[in-house]
């Protein structure tokens, strides 16, 4: 039952943000509020556990991607960018803004997690540099730019205006990040110029 409650709360957060009510959760599950409070001491505790569950899930998916021996470098980068917690799916920016504004302790945990993800991504980029797949660059700056762009692309208004969903936007980001913005013909001529300098 505890897991069912957490899953129901995740869906309430996805639909209503963190201002959902325990009554909504009880109705969703067809149980009483009293039953929910047999498993959790407060709404705060439930929200914290749901957020932690989402972060642990993403971390587990991340480890699977990095350990995949049959997955090449480009596929790993793409898979890392597309990662979303299974409990929520893609999370809208307004939900993150609510967490930042009203739940400082949970936001601190999320920020720490984002920093750890940046380190993981930068390490993968450094491996790509060592293998000659990625040109020499500051891997931490590149990883931070990429994750920052992911955050920007999760803005609901932008997605709606451009008729995109979060996954499509991140796929496009992956393509731009990995292959750049120059057309192939321009890229070759630019490489020629760089070689001549």
N, C-alpha and C. Protein backbone atom coordinates (compact mmCIF):
# COMPACT_ATOMS: atom_id res chain seq x y z
N UNK A 1 0.83 -1.21 0.00
CA UNK A 1 0.00 0.00 0.00
C UNK A 1 0.86 1.26 0.00
N UNK A 2 1.98 1.21 0.72
CA UNK A 2 2.86 2.38 0.79
C UNK A 2 3.31 2.80 -0.60
N UNK A 3 3.70 1.82 -1.41
CA UNK A 3 4.16 2.12 -2.77
C UNK A 3 3.04 2.71 -3.62
N UNK A 4 1.82 2.17 -3.46
CA UNK A 4 0.66 2.69 -4.20
C UNK A 4 0.39 4.14 -3.83
N UNK A 5 0.55 4.46 -2.55
CA UNK A 5 0.34 5.84 -2.09
C UNK A 5 1.37 6.76 -2.74
N UNK A 6 2.63 6.33 -2.74
CA UNK A 6 3.69 7.15 -3.34
C UNK A 6 3.44 7.38 -4.83
N UNK A 7 3.01 6.34 -5.52
CA UNK A 7 2.72 6.47 -6.95
C UNK A 7 1.55 7.42 -7.19
N UNK A 8 0.52 7.32 -6.35
CA UNK A 8 -0.64 8.21 -6.47
C UNK A 8 -0.24 9.65 -6.19
N UNK A 9 0.59 9.86 -5.19
CA UNK A 9 1.07 11.21 -4.87
C UNK A 9 1.88 11.76 -6.03
N UNK A 10 2.72 10.93 -6.64
CA UNK A 10 3.51 11.37 -7.80
C UNK A 10 2.60 11.87 -8.90
N UNK A 11 1.50 11.18 -9.15
CA UNK A 11 0.56 11.60 -10.19
C UNK A 11 -0.16 12.89 -9.80
N UNK A 12 -0.48 13.02 -8.52
CA UNK A 12 -1.10 14.27 -8.04
C UNK A 12 -0.15 15.44 -8.22
N UNK A 13 1.14 15.22 -7.89
CA UNK A 13 2.13 16.29 -8.07
C UNK A 13 2.25 16.64 -9.54
N UNK A 14 2.26 15.63 -10.38
CA UNK A 14 2.37 15.86 -11.84
C UNK A 14 1.18 16.70 -12.34
N UNK A 15 -0.01 16.45 -11.80
CA UNK A 15 -1.22 17.15 -12.26
C UNK A 15 -1.47 18.49 -11.57
N UNK A 16 -1.16 18.54 -10.26
CA UNK A 16 -1.56 19.71 -9.48
C UNK A 16 -0.39 20.44 -8.82
N UNK A 17 0.84 19.87 -8.95
CA UNK A 17 1.96 20.46 -8.23
C UNK A 17 1.93 20.02 -6.77
N UNK A 18 2.76 20.65 -5.96
CA UNK A 18 2.86 20.21 -4.56
C UNK A 18 1.72 20.72 -3.68
N UNK A 19 0.80 21.47 -4.28
CA UNK A 19 -0.35 21.96 -3.52
C UNK A 19 -1.52 20.97 -3.56
N UNK A 20 -1.28 19.75 -4.05
CA UNK A 20 -2.32 18.72 -4.02
C UNK A 20 -2.77 18.50 -2.57
N UNK A 21 -3.91 17.85 -2.41
CA UNK A 21 -4.37 17.54 -1.04
C UNK A 21 -4.33 16.03 -0.82
N UNK A 22 -4.24 15.67 0.44
CA UNK A 22 -4.29 14.25 0.80
C UNK A 22 -5.67 13.69 0.46
N UNK A 23 -6.69 14.54 0.50
CA UNK A 23 -8.04 14.10 0.09
C UNK A 23 -8.02 13.62 -1.36
N UNK A 24 -7.31 14.37 -2.25
CA UNK A 24 -7.21 13.97 -3.65
C UNK A 24 -6.57 12.59 -3.78
N UNK A 25 -5.54 12.35 -2.98
CA UNK A 25 -4.83 11.06 -3.02
C UNK A 25 -5.76 9.95 -2.56
N UNK A 26 -6.49 10.20 -1.47
CA UNK A 26 -7.41 9.20 -0.92
C UNK A 26 -8.49 8.84 -1.94
N UNK A 27 -9.04 9.85 -2.60
CA UNK A 27 -10.07 9.60 -3.63
C UNK A 27 -9.48 8.80 -4.78
N UNK A 28 -8.29 9.18 -5.22
CA UNK A 28 -7.62 8.48 -6.33
C UNK A 28 -7.45 6.99 -6.01
N UNK A 29 -7.13 6.68 -4.76
CA UNK A 29 -6.88 5.29 -4.37
C UNK A 29 -8.12 4.58 -3.83
N UNK A 30 -9.18 5.33 -3.57
CA UNK A 30 -10.39 4.72 -2.99
C UNK A 30 -10.18 4.27 -1.56
N UNK A 31 -9.38 5.02 -0.82
CA UNK A 31 -9.13 4.70 0.59
C UNK A 31 -9.38 5.95 1.44
N UNK A 32 -9.26 5.81 2.74
CA UNK A 32 -9.47 6.97 3.62
C UNK A 32 -8.13 7.68 3.88
N UNK A 33 -8.24 8.94 4.30
CA UNK A 33 -7.04 9.69 4.69
C UNK A 33 -6.34 8.99 5.86
N UNK A 34 -7.15 8.41 6.74
CA UNK A 34 -6.61 7.73 7.92
C UNK A 34 -5.67 6.59 7.49
N UNK A 35 -6.04 5.88 6.43
CA UNK A 35 -5.20 4.78 5.93
C UNK A 35 -3.86 5.33 5.45
N UNK A 36 -3.89 6.47 4.76
CA UNK A 36 -2.64 7.09 4.27
C UNK A 36 -1.73 7.43 5.45
N UNK A 37 -2.34 7.98 6.50
CA UNK A 37 -1.53 8.40 7.66
C UNK A 37 -1.09 7.23 8.55
N UNK A 38 -1.52 6.03 8.21
CA UNK A 38 -0.96 4.84 8.89
C UNK A 38 0.44 4.55 8.35
N UNK A 39 0.72 5.03 7.13
CA UNK A 39 2.00 4.77 6.49
C UNK A 39 2.94 5.97 6.52
N UNK A 40 2.38 7.15 6.62
CA UNK A 40 3.19 8.38 6.60
C UNK A 40 2.72 9.32 7.70
N UNK A 41 3.67 10.04 8.29
CA UNK A 41 3.31 10.93 9.39
C UNK A 41 2.73 12.26 8.91
N UNK A 42 3.06 12.66 7.67
CA UNK A 42 2.60 13.96 7.18
C UNK A 42 2.68 14.02 5.65
N UNK A 43 2.03 15.02 5.11
CA UNK A 43 2.12 15.29 3.66
C UNK A 43 3.56 15.62 3.30
N UNK A 44 4.24 16.38 4.16
CA UNK A 44 5.66 16.72 3.91
C UNK A 44 6.52 15.48 3.74
N UNK A 45 6.31 14.52 4.61
CA UNK A 45 7.10 13.27 4.52
C UNK A 45 6.83 12.56 3.20
N UNK A 46 5.57 12.53 2.79
CA UNK A 46 5.22 11.85 1.53
C UNK A 46 5.91 12.54 0.34
N UNK A 47 5.85 13.86 0.30
CA UNK A 47 6.46 14.59 -0.82
C UNK A 47 7.96 14.32 -0.87
N UNK A 48 8.62 14.39 0.28
CA UNK A 48 10.06 14.14 0.34
C UNK A 48 10.38 12.74 -0.16
N UNK A 49 9.58 11.75 0.25
CA UNK A 49 9.84 10.37 -0.18
C UNK A 49 9.62 10.19 -1.68
N UNK A 50 8.60 10.87 -2.23
CA UNK A 50 8.35 10.78 -3.68
C UNK A 50 9.52 11.38 -4.45
N UNK A 51 10.01 12.53 -4.01
CA UNK A 51 11.15 13.18 -4.68
C UNK A 51 12.38 12.29 -4.59
N UNK A 52 12.62 11.71 -3.43
CA UNK A 52 13.78 10.83 -3.25
C UNK A 52 13.66 9.60 -4.15
N UNK A 53 12.46 9.05 -4.22
CA UNK A 53 12.21 7.88 -5.08
C UNK A 53 12.52 8.21 -6.54
N UNK A 54 12.11 9.40 -6.98
CA UNK A 54 12.37 9.84 -8.36
C UNK A 54 13.86 9.98 -8.62
N UNK A 55 14.59 10.56 -7.67
CA UNK A 55 16.04 10.76 -7.85
C UNK A 55 16.79 9.43 -7.87
N UNK A 56 16.41 8.54 -6.98
CA UNK A 56 17.05 7.21 -6.94
C UNK A 56 16.78 6.45 -8.24
N UNK A 57 15.57 6.59 -8.76
CA UNK A 57 15.21 5.95 -10.03
C UNK A 57 16.09 6.46 -11.17
N UNK A 58 16.23 7.79 -11.27
CA UNK A 58 17.05 8.38 -12.34
C UNK A 58 18.50 7.93 -12.19
N UNK A 59 18.98 7.91 -10.95
CA UNK A 59 20.36 7.47 -10.70
C UNK A 59 20.57 6.03 -11.15
N UNK A 60 19.59 5.17 -10.87
CA UNK A 60 19.67 3.77 -11.29
C UNK A 60 19.67 3.63 -12.80
N UNK A 61 18.80 4.39 -13.48
CA UNK A 61 18.77 4.37 -14.95
C UNK A 61 20.10 4.86 -15.52
N UNK A 62 20.64 5.89 -14.90
CA UNK A 62 21.92 6.46 -15.33
C UNK A 62 23.04 5.42 -15.25
N UNK A 63 23.08 4.68 -14.15
CA UNK A 63 24.11 3.65 -13.98
C UNK A 63 23.97 2.54 -15.02
N UNK A 64 22.73 2.18 -15.32
CA UNK A 64 22.50 1.16 -16.37
C UNK A 64 23.01 1.62 -17.72
N UNK A 65 22.75 2.89 -18.05
CA UNK A 65 23.21 3.45 -19.32
C UNK A 65 24.73 3.44 -19.39
N UNK A 66 25.38 3.89 -18.32
CA UNK A 66 26.84 3.98 -18.32
C UNK A 66 27.49 2.60 -18.35
N UNK A 67 26.82 1.61 -17.77
CA UNK A 67 27.38 0.25 -17.73
C UNK A 67 27.13 -0.51 -19.03
N UNK A 68 26.26 0.01 -19.89
CA UNK A 68 25.91 -0.70 -21.13
C UNK A 68 27.10 -0.83 -22.07
N UNK A 69 27.66 -2.02 -22.14
CA UNK A 69 28.87 -2.24 -22.95
C UNK A 69 28.57 -2.23 -24.44
N UNK A 70 27.32 -2.55 -24.81
CA UNK A 70 26.97 -2.59 -26.23
C UNK A 70 26.50 -1.23 -26.74
N UNK A 71 26.34 -0.28 -25.83
CA UNK A 71 25.87 1.06 -26.22
C UNK A 71 27.07 1.93 -26.55
N UNK A 72 27.04 2.58 -27.72
CA UNK A 72 28.18 3.42 -28.07
C UNK A 72 28.07 4.79 -27.39
N UNK A 73 29.10 5.58 -27.53
CA UNK A 73 29.22 6.87 -26.84
C UNK A 73 28.04 7.79 -27.16
N UNK A 74 27.72 7.93 -28.45
CA UNK A 74 26.64 8.83 -28.88
C UNK A 74 25.31 8.39 -28.28
N UNK A 75 25.04 7.08 -28.28
CA UNK A 75 23.79 6.57 -27.71
C UNK A 75 23.72 6.83 -26.20
N UNK A 76 24.87 6.72 -25.54
CA UNK A 76 24.90 6.98 -24.08
C UNK A 76 24.57 8.43 -23.78
N UNK A 77 25.18 9.34 -24.53
CA UNK A 77 24.89 10.78 -24.32
C UNK A 77 23.39 11.03 -24.54
N UNK A 78 22.86 10.52 -25.65
CA UNK A 78 21.44 10.71 -25.95
C UNK A 78 20.55 10.14 -24.86
N UNK A 79 20.87 8.94 -24.39
CA UNK A 79 20.06 8.30 -23.34
C UNK A 79 20.11 9.09 -22.04
N UNK A 80 21.27 9.63 -21.70
CA UNK A 80 21.39 10.43 -20.47
C UNK A 80 20.54 11.70 -20.55
N UNK A 81 20.53 12.33 -21.73
CA UNK A 81 19.75 13.56 -21.90
C UNK A 81 18.25 13.26 -21.80
N UNK A 82 17.83 12.11 -22.28
CA UNK A 82 16.40 11.77 -22.30
C UNK A 82 15.89 11.19 -20.99
N UNK A 83 16.77 11.00 -20.02
CA UNK A 83 16.36 10.40 -18.75
C UNK A 83 15.26 11.18 -18.05
N UNK A 84 14.23 10.47 -17.61
CA UNK A 84 13.18 11.07 -16.77
C UNK A 84 12.81 10.05 -15.69
N UNK A 85 12.39 10.52 -14.52
CA UNK A 85 11.98 9.55 -13.49
C UNK A 85 10.71 8.82 -13.92
N UNK A 86 10.73 7.51 -13.81
CA UNK A 86 9.58 6.70 -14.24
C UNK A 86 8.32 7.05 -13.45
N UNK A 87 8.49 7.43 -12.22
CA UNK A 87 7.36 7.74 -11.35
C UNK A 87 6.59 8.99 -11.82
N UNK A 88 7.28 9.92 -12.49
CA UNK A 88 6.67 11.15 -12.97
C UNK A 88 6.56 11.22 -14.49
N UNK A 89 7.61 10.78 -15.18
CA UNK A 89 7.77 11.12 -16.59
C UNK A 89 8.38 12.51 -16.63
N UNK A 90 8.39 13.17 -17.79
CA UNK A 90 8.95 14.53 -17.87
C UNK A 90 8.22 15.47 -16.90
N UNK A 91 8.98 16.31 -16.20
CA UNK A 91 8.41 17.19 -15.18
C UNK A 91 8.37 18.62 -15.70
N UNK A 92 7.19 19.24 -15.62
CA UNK A 92 7.03 20.62 -16.09
C UNK A 92 7.78 21.59 -15.19
N UNK A 93 8.21 22.71 -15.79
CA UNK A 93 9.00 23.70 -15.05
C UNK A 93 8.24 24.31 -13.89
N UNK A 94 6.91 24.46 -13.99
CA UNK A 94 6.15 25.07 -12.91
C UNK A 94 6.15 24.21 -11.65
N UNK A 95 6.26 22.90 -11.83
CA UNK A 95 6.34 22.01 -10.66
C UNK A 95 7.69 22.21 -9.97
N UNK A 96 8.75 22.28 -10.77
CA UNK A 96 10.09 22.52 -10.20
C UNK A 96 10.14 23.87 -9.50
N UNK A 97 9.49 24.87 -10.08
CA UNK A 97 9.46 26.21 -9.47
C UNK A 97 8.73 26.16 -8.12
N UNK A 98 7.66 25.38 -8.04
CA UNK A 98 6.94 25.20 -6.77
C UNK A 98 7.82 24.55 -5.71
N UNK A 99 8.55 23.53 -6.12
CA UNK A 99 9.43 22.84 -5.16
C UNK A 99 10.51 23.80 -4.68
N UNK A 100 11.09 24.56 -5.62
CA UNK A 100 12.13 25.51 -5.24
C UNK A 100 11.59 26.56 -4.26
N UNK A 101 10.38 27.03 -4.51
CA UNK A 101 9.81 28.10 -3.69
C UNK A 101 9.35 27.62 -2.31
N UNK A 102 8.72 26.44 -2.26
CA UNK A 102 8.05 26.03 -1.02
C UNK A 102 8.73 24.90 -0.25
N UNK A 103 9.70 24.24 -0.89
CA UNK A 103 10.30 23.06 -0.23
C UNK A 103 11.82 23.14 -0.32
N UNK A 104 12.39 24.04 0.45
CA UNK A 104 13.82 24.35 0.34
C UNK A 104 14.72 23.12 0.59
N UNK A 105 14.36 22.28 1.54
CA UNK A 105 15.20 21.10 1.83
C UNK A 105 15.19 20.12 0.65
N UNK A 106 14.02 19.90 0.08
CA UNK A 106 13.93 19.01 -1.08
C UNK A 106 14.65 19.62 -2.28
N UNK A 107 14.54 20.95 -2.44
CA UNK A 107 15.22 21.63 -3.54
C UNK A 107 16.73 21.51 -3.41
N UNK A 108 17.22 21.60 -2.17
CA UNK A 108 18.66 21.43 -1.92
C UNK A 108 19.12 20.05 -2.38
N UNK A 109 18.33 19.04 -2.10
CA UNK A 109 18.65 17.66 -2.50
C UNK A 109 18.65 17.55 -4.04
N UNK A 110 17.68 18.20 -4.68
CA UNK A 110 17.60 18.18 -6.15
C UNK A 110 18.81 18.88 -6.75
N UNK A 111 19.19 20.02 -6.19
CA UNK A 111 20.35 20.77 -6.70
C UNK A 111 21.64 19.94 -6.56
N UNK A 112 21.77 19.25 -5.44
CA UNK A 112 22.95 18.38 -5.23
C UNK A 112 22.95 17.27 -6.28
N UNK A 113 21.77 16.72 -6.53
CA UNK A 113 21.64 15.65 -7.52
C UNK A 113 22.00 16.15 -8.92
N UNK A 114 21.55 17.37 -9.26
CA UNK A 114 21.88 17.95 -10.57
C UNK A 114 23.39 18.11 -10.72
N UNK A 115 24.04 18.54 -9.66
CA UNK A 115 25.50 18.71 -9.69
C UNK A 115 26.18 17.35 -9.92
N UNK A 116 25.69 16.32 -9.24
CA UNK A 116 26.26 14.97 -9.43
C UNK A 116 26.05 14.49 -10.86
N UNK A 117 24.89 14.79 -11.44
CA UNK A 117 24.62 14.43 -12.84
C UNK A 117 25.58 15.15 -13.78
N UNK A 118 25.86 16.41 -13.48
CA UNK A 118 26.80 17.19 -14.30
C UNK A 118 28.18 16.54 -14.27
N UNK A 119 28.60 16.07 -13.09
CA UNK A 119 29.91 15.41 -12.97
C UNK A 119 29.94 14.10 -13.76
N UNK A 120 28.85 13.35 -13.71
CA UNK A 120 28.77 12.08 -14.46
C UNK A 120 28.86 12.36 -15.96
N UNK A 121 28.13 13.34 -16.42
CA UNK A 121 28.13 13.69 -17.85
C UNK A 121 29.49 14.21 -18.28
N UNK A 122 30.11 15.04 -17.44
CA UNK A 122 31.43 15.58 -17.81
C UNK A 122 32.47 14.46 -17.85
N UNK A 123 32.34 13.48 -16.95
CA UNK A 123 33.27 12.34 -16.98
C UNK A 123 33.11 11.54 -18.28
N UNK A 124 31.85 11.36 -18.71
CA UNK A 124 31.60 10.65 -19.97
C UNK A 124 32.19 11.44 -21.15
N UNK A 125 32.04 12.76 -21.12
CA UNK A 125 32.63 13.59 -22.18
C UNK A 125 34.15 13.50 -22.18
N UNK A 126 34.75 13.47 -20.99
CA UNK A 126 36.20 13.33 -20.89
C UNK A 126 36.67 12.00 -21.47
N UNK A 127 35.88 10.94 -21.22
CA UNK A 127 36.20 9.64 -21.81
C UNK A 127 36.14 9.74 -23.34
N UNK A 128 35.13 10.46 -23.84
CA UNK A 128 35.00 10.67 -25.29
C UNK A 128 36.18 11.42 -25.86
N UNK A 129 36.69 12.40 -25.10
CA UNK A 129 37.88 13.16 -25.52
C UNK A 129 39.09 12.23 -25.59
N UNK A 130 39.26 11.40 -24.54
CA UNK A 130 40.38 10.45 -24.49
C UNK A 130 40.35 9.46 -25.65
N UNK A 131 39.12 9.07 -26.05
CA UNK A 131 38.98 8.11 -27.15
C UNK A 131 39.06 8.77 -28.53
N UNK A 132 39.12 10.10 -28.55
CA UNK A 132 39.18 10.82 -29.82
C UNK A 132 37.82 10.99 -30.49
N UNK A 133 36.75 10.70 -29.76
CA UNK A 133 35.40 10.84 -30.31
C UNK A 133 34.94 12.29 -30.18
N UNK A 134 35.33 12.92 -29.11
CA UNK A 134 34.94 14.31 -28.80
C UNK A 134 36.17 15.19 -28.92
N UNK A 135 36.00 16.37 -29.53
CA UNK A 135 37.14 17.28 -29.62
C UNK A 135 37.51 17.79 -28.23
N UNK A 136 38.74 18.23 -28.07
CA UNK A 136 39.21 18.72 -26.78
C UNK A 136 38.41 19.96 -26.37
N UNK A 137 37.89 19.91 -25.16
CA UNK A 137 37.08 21.02 -24.63
C UNK A 137 37.04 20.90 -23.11
N UNK A 138 36.48 21.90 -22.47
CA UNK A 138 36.25 21.83 -21.04
C UNK A 138 34.98 21.02 -20.83
N UNK A 139 35.13 19.78 -20.39
CA UNK A 139 34.00 18.85 -20.29
C UNK A 139 32.96 19.32 -19.26
N UNK A 140 33.42 19.95 -18.19
CA UNK A 140 32.46 20.41 -17.16
C UNK A 140 31.59 21.53 -17.69
N UNK A 141 32.19 22.44 -18.44
CA UNK A 141 31.42 23.54 -19.03
C UNK A 141 30.41 22.97 -20.03
N UNK A 142 30.85 22.04 -20.87
CA UNK A 142 29.95 21.44 -21.87
C UNK A 142 28.79 20.71 -21.18
N UNK A 143 29.09 19.96 -20.12
CA UNK A 143 28.05 19.22 -19.40
C UNK A 143 27.07 20.18 -18.75
N UNK A 144 27.58 21.25 -18.18
CA UNK A 144 26.70 22.25 -17.52
C UNK A 144 25.81 22.94 -18.55
N UNK A 145 26.39 23.28 -19.71
CA UNK A 145 25.59 23.89 -20.79
C UNK A 145 24.47 22.95 -21.22
N UNK A 146 24.81 21.68 -21.37
CA UNK A 146 23.83 20.70 -21.83
C UNK A 146 22.70 20.54 -20.84
N UNK A 147 23.02 20.39 -19.57
CA UNK A 147 21.99 20.21 -18.55
C UNK A 147 21.17 21.49 -18.36
N UNK A 148 21.83 22.64 -18.50
CA UNK A 148 21.10 23.91 -18.43
C UNK A 148 20.11 24.04 -19.58
N UNK A 149 20.54 23.62 -20.76
CA UNK A 149 19.65 23.65 -21.92
C UNK A 149 18.46 22.70 -21.72
N UNK A 150 18.71 21.55 -21.12
CA UNK A 150 17.61 20.61 -20.81
C UNK A 150 16.58 21.28 -19.91
N UNK A 151 17.08 22.00 -18.92
CA UNK A 151 16.18 22.69 -17.99
C UNK A 151 15.35 23.76 -18.73
N UNK A 152 16.02 24.51 -19.59
CA UNK A 152 15.32 25.55 -20.36
C UNK A 152 14.24 24.94 -21.25
N UNK A 153 14.54 23.80 -21.83
CA UNK A 153 13.60 23.17 -22.75
C UNK A 153 12.41 22.52 -22.04
N UNK A 154 12.45 22.47 -20.72
CA UNK A 154 11.32 21.88 -19.98
C UNK A 154 10.24 22.93 -19.69
N UNK A 155 10.47 24.18 -20.13
CA UNK A 155 9.49 25.23 -19.87
C UNK A 155 8.22 25.00 -20.68
N UNK A 156 7.13 24.89 -19.95
CA UNK A 156 5.85 24.54 -20.55
C UNK A 156 5.45 25.50 -21.67
N UNK A 157 5.61 26.79 -21.42
CA UNK A 157 5.19 27.79 -22.41
C UNK A 157 5.96 27.63 -23.72
N UNK A 158 7.27 27.42 -23.63
CA UNK A 158 8.09 27.24 -24.83
C UNK A 158 7.64 26.00 -25.60
N UNK A 159 7.44 24.91 -24.88
CA UNK A 159 7.03 23.66 -25.53
C UNK A 159 5.69 23.83 -26.23
N UNK A 160 4.75 24.48 -25.55
CA UNK A 160 3.42 24.68 -26.12
C UNK A 160 3.48 25.57 -27.37
N UNK A 161 4.24 26.66 -27.29
CA UNK A 161 4.35 27.59 -28.43
C UNK A 161 4.98 26.93 -29.65
N UNK A 162 5.85 25.96 -29.41
CA UNK A 162 6.57 25.32 -30.51
C UNK A 162 6.05 23.92 -30.85
N UNK A 163 4.88 23.61 -30.28
CA UNK A 163 4.22 22.33 -30.55
C UNK A 163 5.16 21.14 -30.33
N UNK A 164 5.84 21.15 -29.20
CA UNK A 164 6.79 20.10 -28.84
C UNK A 164 6.41 19.49 -27.50
N UNK A 165 6.84 18.26 -27.28
CA UNK A 165 6.79 17.75 -25.92
C UNK A 165 8.23 17.70 -25.41
N UNK A 166 8.39 17.42 -24.14
CA UNK A 166 9.71 17.47 -23.51
C UNK A 166 10.71 16.50 -24.16
N UNK A 167 10.24 15.30 -24.48
CA UNK A 167 11.13 14.29 -25.08
C UNK A 167 11.61 14.74 -26.46
N UNK A 168 10.69 15.24 -27.29
CA UNK A 168 11.07 15.72 -28.63
C UNK A 168 12.09 16.86 -28.53
N UNK A 169 11.84 17.78 -27.59
CA UNK A 169 12.75 18.92 -27.43
C UNK A 169 14.14 18.44 -27.03
N UNK A 170 14.21 17.46 -26.14
CA UNK A 170 15.52 16.97 -25.72
C UNK A 170 16.21 16.15 -26.81
N UNK A 171 15.44 15.50 -27.66
CA UNK A 171 16.04 14.80 -28.82
C UNK A 171 16.70 15.81 -29.75
N UNK A 172 16.00 16.91 -30.01
CA UNK A 172 16.56 17.97 -30.85
C UNK A 172 17.81 18.56 -30.21
N UNK A 173 17.78 18.74 -28.90
CA UNK A 173 18.95 19.25 -28.18
C UNK A 173 20.13 18.30 -28.34
N UNK A 174 19.88 17.01 -28.21
CA UNK A 174 20.94 16.01 -28.36
C UNK A 174 21.59 16.13 -29.73
N UNK A 175 20.75 16.28 -30.76
CA UNK A 175 21.25 16.38 -32.13
C UNK A 175 22.14 17.62 -32.29
N UNK A 176 21.67 18.76 -31.77
CA UNK A 176 22.46 20.00 -31.88
C UNK A 176 23.75 19.87 -31.08
N UNK A 177 23.66 19.30 -29.89
CA UNK A 177 24.84 19.17 -29.03
C UNK A 177 25.90 18.27 -29.67
N UNK A 178 25.46 17.16 -30.23
CA UNK A 178 26.41 16.19 -30.78
C UNK A 178 26.92 16.56 -32.17
N UNK A 179 26.08 17.20 -32.98
CA UNK A 179 26.48 17.45 -34.36
C UNK A 179 26.64 18.92 -34.71
N UNK A 180 26.36 19.82 -33.77
CA UNK A 180 26.57 21.24 -34.00
C UNK A 180 25.46 21.87 -34.81
N UNK A 181 25.68 23.13 -35.18
CA UNK A 181 24.65 23.87 -35.92
C UNK A 181 25.03 24.14 -37.37
N UNK A 182 26.28 23.86 -37.73
CA UNK A 182 26.70 24.13 -39.10
C UNK A 182 26.28 23.00 -40.05
N UNK A 183 25.87 23.38 -41.26
CA UNK A 183 25.57 22.38 -42.29
C UNK A 183 26.87 21.64 -42.62
N UNK A 184 26.74 20.38 -43.07
CA UNK A 184 27.94 19.57 -43.34
C UNK A 184 28.92 20.27 -44.28
N UNK A 185 28.40 20.91 -45.34
CA UNK A 185 29.29 21.58 -46.30
C UNK A 185 30.03 22.72 -45.61
N UNK A 186 29.34 23.47 -44.76
CA UNK A 186 29.97 24.58 -44.04
C UNK A 186 30.97 24.06 -43.02
N UNK A 187 30.61 22.94 -42.39
CA UNK A 187 31.49 22.36 -41.38
C UNK A 187 32.83 21.99 -42.00
N UNK A 188 32.81 21.39 -43.18
CA UNK A 188 34.05 21.00 -43.85
C UNK A 188 34.89 22.23 -44.20
N UNK A 189 34.24 23.29 -44.70
CA UNK A 189 35.01 24.48 -45.06
C UNK A 189 35.55 25.17 -43.81
N UNK A 190 34.79 25.14 -42.72
CA UNK A 190 35.27 25.73 -41.46
C UNK A 190 36.45 24.94 -40.92
N UNK A 191 36.37 23.60 -41.03
CA UNK A 191 37.50 22.76 -40.57
C UNK A 191 38.73 23.08 -41.38
N UNK A 192 38.56 23.31 -42.69
CA UNK A 192 39.68 23.68 -43.54
C UNK A 192 40.32 24.98 -43.10
N UNK A 193 39.48 25.95 -42.75
CA UNK A 193 39.98 27.25 -42.27
C UNK A 193 40.78 27.09 -40.98
N UNK A 194 40.23 26.26 -40.08
CA UNK A 194 40.91 26.04 -38.79
C UNK A 194 42.25 25.36 -38.98
N UNK A 195 42.29 24.43 -39.92
CA UNK A 195 43.56 23.73 -40.18
C UNK A 195 44.60 24.66 -40.76
N UNK A 196 44.16 25.68 -41.54
CA UNK A 196 45.08 26.60 -42.18
C UNK A 196 45.59 27.69 -41.24
N UNK A 197 44.91 27.82 -40.10
CA UNK A 197 45.31 28.90 -39.17
C UNK A 197 46.58 28.52 -38.43
